[in-house]
C-alpha cells in the first residue's frame, strides 16, 4: 500500500489511516463530534444513568431470591433474572461512559 486510500473511504466514519487523517480533516465536518445530536447525548445521560442506578439497586434483591430458592425452577428463574440484571448494568455503564467521553472531549476528540 502506498498510503493512498480510495475516495469513498474518506469520511465514511471508518478509520483507515493510522493518523486518522481520513476521518479527522476539514472535509469531514460531521465526524468531529462523538455524539452529534444533543437529543441523543441527553438521552445517553438519562438512560445510562438510570440503567446503572436501577440495576445496582435491584441486584441485591435478585441475589437474595437465588439464596431463597427452594426448587430448581425457582433457582433457574432467579439466576436468569440476575444475568439479565448484570447485562443491563453493563449496557448502562457503556452508554454512560460514552456520554461522559462525549461531554469531556466534545468536538475536540479528533485533535
C-alpha atoms as a PDB file:
ATOM      1  CA  UNK A   1       0.000   0.000   0.000  1.00  0.00           C
ATOM      2  CA  UNK A   2       1.361   3.407  -0.987  1.00  0.00           C
ATOM      3  CA  UNK A   3      -0.582   5.339   1.695  1.00  0.00           C
ATOM      4  CA  UNK A   4      -3.440   6.323  -0.596  1.00  0.00           C
ATOM      5  CA  UNK A   5      -6.957   5.184   0.129  1.00  0.00           C
ATOM      6  CA  UNK A   6      -9.888   5.257  -2.301  1.00  0.00           C
ATOM      7  CA  UNK A   7     -12.011   8.426  -2.180  1.00  0.00           C
ATOM      8  CA  UNK A   8     -15.183   6.596  -0.996  1.00  0.00           C
ATOM      9  CA  UNK A   9     -13.275   5.549   2.143  1.00  0.00           C
ATOM     10  CA  UNK A  10     -12.682   9.173   3.173  1.00  0.00           C
ATOM     11  CA  UNK A  11     -15.246  10.494   5.689  1.00  0.00           C
ATOM     12  CA  UNK A  12     -17.048   7.148   5.897  1.00  0.00           C
ATOM     13  CA  UNK A  13     -16.748   7.035   9.726  1.00  0.00           C
ATOM     14  CA  UNK A  14     -14.380   4.077   9.497  1.00  0.00           C
ATOM     15  CA  UNK A  15     -10.729   4.734  10.338  1.00  0.00           C
ATOM     16  CA  UNK A  16      -8.458   3.570   7.529  1.00  0.00           C
ATOM     17  CA  UNK A  17      -5.306   5.627   8.260  1.00  0.00           C
ATOM     18  CA  UNK A  18      -3.128   5.273  11.355  1.00  0.00           C
ATOM     19  CA  UNK A  19      -3.091   9.060  11.844  1.00  0.00           C
ATOM     20  CA  UNK A  20      -6.913   9.354  11.436  1.00  0.00           C
ATOM     21  CA  UNK A  21      -6.391  11.750   8.527  1.00  0.00           C
ATOM     22  CA  UNK A  22      -9.131  10.044   6.526  1.00  0.00           C
ATOM     23  CA  UNK A  23     -11.743  10.930   9.171  1.00  0.00           C
ATOM     24  CA  UNK A  24     -10.369  13.928  11.108  1.00  0.00           C
ATOM     25  CA  UNK A  25      -9.922  16.598   8.452  1.00  0.00           C
ATOM     26  CA  UNK A  26     -11.711  19.686   7.167  1.00  0.00           C
ATOM     27  CA  UNK A  27     -13.794  17.686   4.688  1.00  0.00           C
ATOM     28  CA  UNK A  28     -15.329  15.530   7.431  1.00  0.00           C
ATOM     29  CA  UNK A  29     -17.056  18.211   9.494  1.00  0.00           C
ATOM     30  CA  UNK A  30     -19.840  15.878  10.699  1.00  0.00           C
ATOM     31  CA  UNK A  31     -17.305  13.353  12.036  1.00  0.00           C
ATOM     32  CA  UNK A  32     -15.762  15.756  14.537  1.00  0.00           C
ATOM     33  CA  UNK A  33     -18.203  15.036  17.358  1.00  0.00           C
ATOM     34  CA  UNK A  34     -18.678  11.754  19.162  1.00  0.00           C
ATOM     35  CA  UNK A  35     -22.449  12.312  19.502  1.00  0.00           C
ATOM     36  CA  UNK A  36     -23.671  14.943  17.058  1.00  0.00           C
ATOM     37  CA  UNK A  37     -27.270  15.191  18.288  1.00  0.00           C
ATOM     38  CA  UNK A  38     -27.986  16.918  21.597  1.00  0.00           C
ATOM     39  CA  UNK A  39     -31.126  14.789  21.983  1.00  0.00           C
ATOM     40  CA  UNK A  40     -29.088  11.586  21.733  1.00  0.00           C
ATOM     41  CA  UNK A  41     -26.468  12.960  24.137  1.00  0.00           C
ATOM     42  CA  UNK A  42     -29.058  13.858  26.782  1.00  0.00           C
ATOM     43  CA  UNK A  43     -30.815  10.528  26.276  1.00  0.00           C
ATOM     44  CA  UNK A  44     -27.494   8.772  26.841  1.00  0.00           C
ATOM     45  CA  UNK A  45     -27.020  10.518  30.173  1.00  0.00           C
ATOM     46  CA  UNK A  46     -30.566   9.757  31.304  1.00  0.00           C
ATOM     47  CA  UNK A  47     -30.853   6.170  30.068  1.00  0.00           C
ATOM     48  CA  UNK A  48     -27.288   5.230  31.026  1.00  0.00           C
ATOM     49  CA  UNK A  49     -27.569   6.782  34.468  1.00  0.00           C
ATOM     50  CA  UNK A  50     -30.945   5.217  35.197  1.00  0.00           C
ATOM     51  CA  UNK A  51     -29.771   1.814  33.968  1.00  0.00           C
ATOM     52  CA  UNK A  52     -26.753   1.892  36.284  1.00  0.00           C
ATOM     53  CA  UNK A  53     -28.616   3.166  39.351  1.00  0.00           C
ATOM     54  CA  UNK A  54     -31.705   0.980  38.999  1.00  0.00           C
ATOM     55  CA  UNK A  55     -29.783  -2.202  38.199  1.00  0.00           C
ATOM     56  CA  UNK A  56     -27.444  -1.628  41.132  1.00  0.00           C
ATOM     57  CA  UNK A  57     -30.493  -1.091  43.347  1.00  0.00           C
ATOM     58  CA  UNK A  58     -32.213  -4.322  42.267  1.00  0.00           C
ATOM     59  CA  UNK A  59     -29.170  -6.591  42.125  1.00  0.00           C
ATOM     60  CA  UNK A  60     -29.041  -7.335  45.898  1.00  0.00           C
ATOM     61  CA  UNK A  61     -32.680  -8.425  45.973  1.00  0.00           C
ATOM     62  CA  UNK A  62     -32.079 -10.644  42.951  1.00  0.00           C
ATOM     63  CA  UNK A  63     -29.170 -12.314  44.727  1.00  0.00           C
ATOM     64  CA  UNK A  64     -31.337 -12.854  47.823  1.00  0.00           C
ATOM     65  CA  UNK A  65     -34.011 -14.503  45.700  1.00  0.00           C
ATOM     66  CA  UNK A  66     -31.424 -17.029  44.451  1.00  0.00           C
ATOM     67  CA  UNK A  67     -30.438 -17.816  48.017  1.00  0.00           C
ATOM     68  CA  UNK A  68     -34.096 -18.356  48.983  1.00  0.00           C
ATOM     69  CA  UNK A  69     -34.873 -20.590  46.000  1.00  0.00           C
ATOM     70  CA  UNK A  70     -36.230 -23.974  47.035  1.00  0.00           C
ATOM     71  CA  UNK A  71     -36.971 -25.563  43.651  1.00  0.00           C
ATOM     72  CA  UNK A  72     -34.909 -25.957  40.508  1.00  0.00           C
ATOM     73  CA  UNK A  73     -37.402 -23.848  38.548  1.00  0.00           C
ATOM     74  CA  UNK A  74     -37.191 -21.025  41.073  1.00  0.00           C
ATOM     75  CA  UNK A  75     -33.384 -21.216  41.058  1.00  0.00           C
ATOM     76  CA  UNK A  76     -33.315 -21.128  37.244  1.00  0.00           C
ATOM     77  CA  UNK A  77     -35.679 -18.138  37.086  1.00  0.00           C
ATOM     78  CA  UNK A  78     -33.750 -16.217  39.729  1.00  0.00           C
ATOM     79  CA  UNK A  79     -30.421 -16.974  38.057  1.00  0.00           C
ATOM     80  CA  UNK A  80     -31.729 -15.782  34.686  1.00  0.00           C
ATOM     81  CA  UNK A  81     -33.000 -12.607  36.330  1.00  0.00           C
ATOM     82  CA  UNK A  82     -29.521 -11.934  37.747  1.00  0.00           C
ATOM     83  CA  UNK A  83     -27.945 -12.467  34.314  1.00  0.00           C
ATOM     84  CA  UNK A  84     -30.392 -10.008  32.737  1.00  0.00           C
ATOM     85  CA  UNK A  85     -29.722  -7.570  35.577  1.00  0.00           C
ATOM     86  CA  UNK A  86     -25.940  -7.766  35.070  1.00  0.00           C
ATOM     87  CA  UNK A  87     -26.305  -7.452  31.288  1.00  0.00           C
ATOM     88  CA  UNK A  88     -28.455  -4.336  31.650  1.00  0.00           C
ATOM     89  CA  UNK A  89     -25.972  -2.926  34.152  1.00  0.00           C
ATOM     90  CA  UNK A  90     -23.081  -3.397  31.708  1.00  0.00           C
ATOM     91  CA  UNK A  91     -25.034  -1.763  28.871  1.00  0.00           C
ATOM     92  CA  UNK A  92     -25.890   1.140  31.185  1.00  0.00           C
ATOM     93  CA  UNK A  93     -22.215   1.548  32.121  1.00  0.00           C
ATOM     94  CA  UNK A  94     -21.291   1.510  28.426  1.00  0.00           C
ATOM     95  CA  UNK A  95     -23.890   4.159  27.487  1.00  0.00           C
ATOM     96  CA  UNK A  96     -22.947   6.307  30.462  1.00  0.00           C
ATOM     97  CA  UNK A  97     -19.231   6.038  29.584  1.00  0.00           C
ATOM     98  CA  UNK A  98     -19.871   7.168  26.010  1.00  0.00           C
ATOM     99  CA  UNK A  99     -21.882  10.118  27.366  1.00  0.00           C
ATOM    100  CA  UNK A 100     -19.038  11.072  29.708  1.00  0.00           C
ATOM    101  CA  UNK A 101     -16.478  10.892  26.889  1.00  0.00           C
ATOM    102  CA  UNK A 102     -18.772  12.999  24.690  1.00  0.00           C
ATOM    103  CA  UNK A 103     -19.078  15.659  27.410  1.00  0.00           C
ATOM    104  CA  UNK A 104     -15.331  15.628  28.108  1.00  0.00           C
ATOM    105  CA  UNK A 105     -13.976  15.555  24.565  1.00  0.00           C
ATOM    106  CA  UNK A 106     -16.931  17.065  22.691  1.00  0.00           C
ATOM    107  CA  UNK A 107     -15.834  18.148  19.263  1.00  0.00           C
ATOM    108  CA  UNK A 108     -12.115  18.016  20.081  1.00  0.00           C
ATOM    109  CA  UNK A 109     -11.619  14.252  20.056  1.00  0.00           C
ATOM    110  CA  UNK A 110     -10.220  14.438  16.526  1.00  0.00           C
ATOM    111  CA  UNK A 111      -7.471  16.849  17.540  1.00  0.00           C
END
